[in-house]
């Protein structure tokens, strides 16, 4: 089983898929008014809150992409712009081995 972790300054989100992680982030977004609706709606809301910090080409929610692709793109984008860190199963094992876990 491949596990992904997305680390923010306040929390580690774990999931088997990017959609699972983004759904957990949606749940924790206290000011998000549309919980449980489409992933696209949450991503649009979240990206719009980033304002001018992200280039428009990076915030496009293409209709041709599936939810998992969009969610993964969102996590990579946050990682790239310093709003979190996306770890894969391999990176997690390396970190645990280094820590003696």
Protein backbone atom coordinates (compact mmCIF):
# COMPACT_ATOMS: atom_id res chain seq x y z
CA UNK A 1 0.00 0.00 0.00
CA UNK A 2 1.32 3.42 -0.95
CA UNK A 3 0.71 6.12 1.60
CA UNK A 4 0.95 9.84 1.02
CA UNK A 5 1.38 12.48 3.67
CA UNK A 6 0.89 16.17 3.17
CA UNK A 7 2.45 18.23 5.94
CA UNK A 8 1.33 21.73 6.78
CA UNK A 9 2.65 23.84 9.63
CA UNK A 10 -0.26 22.68 11.80
CA UNK A 11 -1.06 19.13 10.73
CA UNK A 12 -0.04 16.00 8.83
CA UNK A 13 -2.71 14.75 6.44
CA UNK A 14 -2.44 11.05 5.54
CA UNK A 15 -4.19 9.15 2.78
CA UNK A 16 -3.93 6.52 0.10
CA UNK A 17 -5.02 9.08 -2.50
CA UNK A 18 -4.68 12.79 -3.06
CA UNK A 19 -8.48 13.09 -2.94
CA UNK A 20 -8.50 11.62 0.60
CA UNK A 21 -5.95 14.20 1.71
CA UNK A 22 -7.73 17.12 0.04
CA UNK A 23 -11.06 16.00 1.58
CA UNK A 24 -9.41 16.05 5.02
CA UNK A 25 -8.07 19.54 4.31
CA UNK A 26 -11.55 20.59 3.20
CA UNK A 27 -12.99 19.30 6.48
CA UNK A 28 -10.44 21.34 8.45
CA UNK A 29 -11.04 24.56 6.50
CA UNK A 30 -13.32 26.22 9.05
CA UNK A 31 -14.37 29.05 6.74
CA UNK A 32 -15.19 26.82 3.74
CA UNK A 33 -18.99 26.94 3.31
CA UNK A 34 -19.57 23.97 0.96
CA UNK A 35 -18.24 20.90 2.77
CA UNK A 36 -18.86 17.57 1.07
CA UNK A 37 -19.58 19.02 -2.34
CA UNK A 38 -17.30 18.61 -5.35
CA UNK A 39 -13.53 18.54 -4.99
CA UNK A 40 -13.36 21.10 -7.82
CA UNK A 41 -15.43 23.53 -5.79
CA UNK A 42 -13.08 23.26 -2.81
CA UNK A 43 -9.98 23.56 -5.01
CA UNK A 44 -11.42 26.60 -6.78
CA UNK A 45 -12.21 28.22 -3.42
CA UNK A 46 -8.79 27.42 -1.98
CA UNK A 47 -6.84 28.55 -5.05
CA UNK A 48 -8.85 31.75 -5.30
CA UNK A 49 -7.82 32.56 -1.72
CA UNK A 50 -4.19 32.48 -2.82
CA UNK A 51 -4.79 35.67 -4.75
CA UNK A 52 -1.95 36.85 -6.96
CA UNK A 53 0.66 34.58 -5.38
CA UNK A 54 0.06 31.86 -7.98
CA UNK A 55 0.34 32.25 -11.74
CA UNK A 56 -3.04 31.79 -13.50
CA UNK A 57 -1.73 28.82 -15.50
CA UNK A 58 -1.15 26.95 -12.23
CA UNK A 59 -4.68 27.54 -10.97
CA UNK A 60 -6.57 26.18 -13.98
CA UNK A 61 -9.02 23.41 -13.06
CA UNK A 62 -9.21 21.70 -16.41
CA UNK A 63 -12.45 19.87 -17.20
CA UNK A 64 -10.33 17.16 -18.82
CA UNK A 65 -8.65 16.17 -15.56
CA UNK A 66 -10.14 13.68 -13.14
CA UNK A 67 -10.55 14.58 -9.45
CA UNK A 68 -7.49 12.55 -8.39
CA UNK A 69 -5.28 14.35 -10.92
CA UNK A 70 -6.58 17.74 -9.83
CA UNK A 71 -6.12 16.93 -6.14
CA UNK A 72 -2.56 15.72 -6.72
CA UNK A 73 -1.76 18.80 -8.82
CA UNK A 74 -3.11 20.96 -5.96
CA UNK A 75 -0.87 19.22 -3.40
CA UNK A 76 2.19 19.53 -5.64
CA UNK A 77 1.37 23.19 -6.22
CA UNK A 78 1.13 23.87 -2.50
CA UNK A 79 4.41 22.00 -2.01
CA UNK A 80 6.12 24.01 -4.75
CA UNK A 81 4.99 27.36 -3.33
CA UNK A 82 5.90 26.51 0.27
CA UNK A 83 2.39 25.95 1.62
CA UNK A 84 3.12 22.39 2.72
CA UNK A 85 5.23 19.35 1.93
CA UNK A 86 4.07 16.27 0.05
CA UNK A 87 5.76 13.04 1.14
CA UNK A 88 5.49 9.69 -0.57
CA UNK A 89 5.68 6.25 1.00
CA UNK A 90 9.39 5.96 0.19
CA UNK A 91 10.25 9.32 1.77
CA UNK A 92 8.24 8.38 4.86
CA UNK A 93 10.16 5.10 5.28
CA UNK A 94 13.51 6.84 4.84
CA UNK A 95 12.57 9.44 7.46
CA UNK A 96 11.37 6.75 9.87
CA UNK A 97 14.54 4.69 9.39
CA UNK A 98 16.69 7.77 9.99
CA UNK A 99 14.79 8.46 13.18
CA UNK A 100 15.16 4.87 14.35
CA UNK A 101 11.42 4.13 14.21
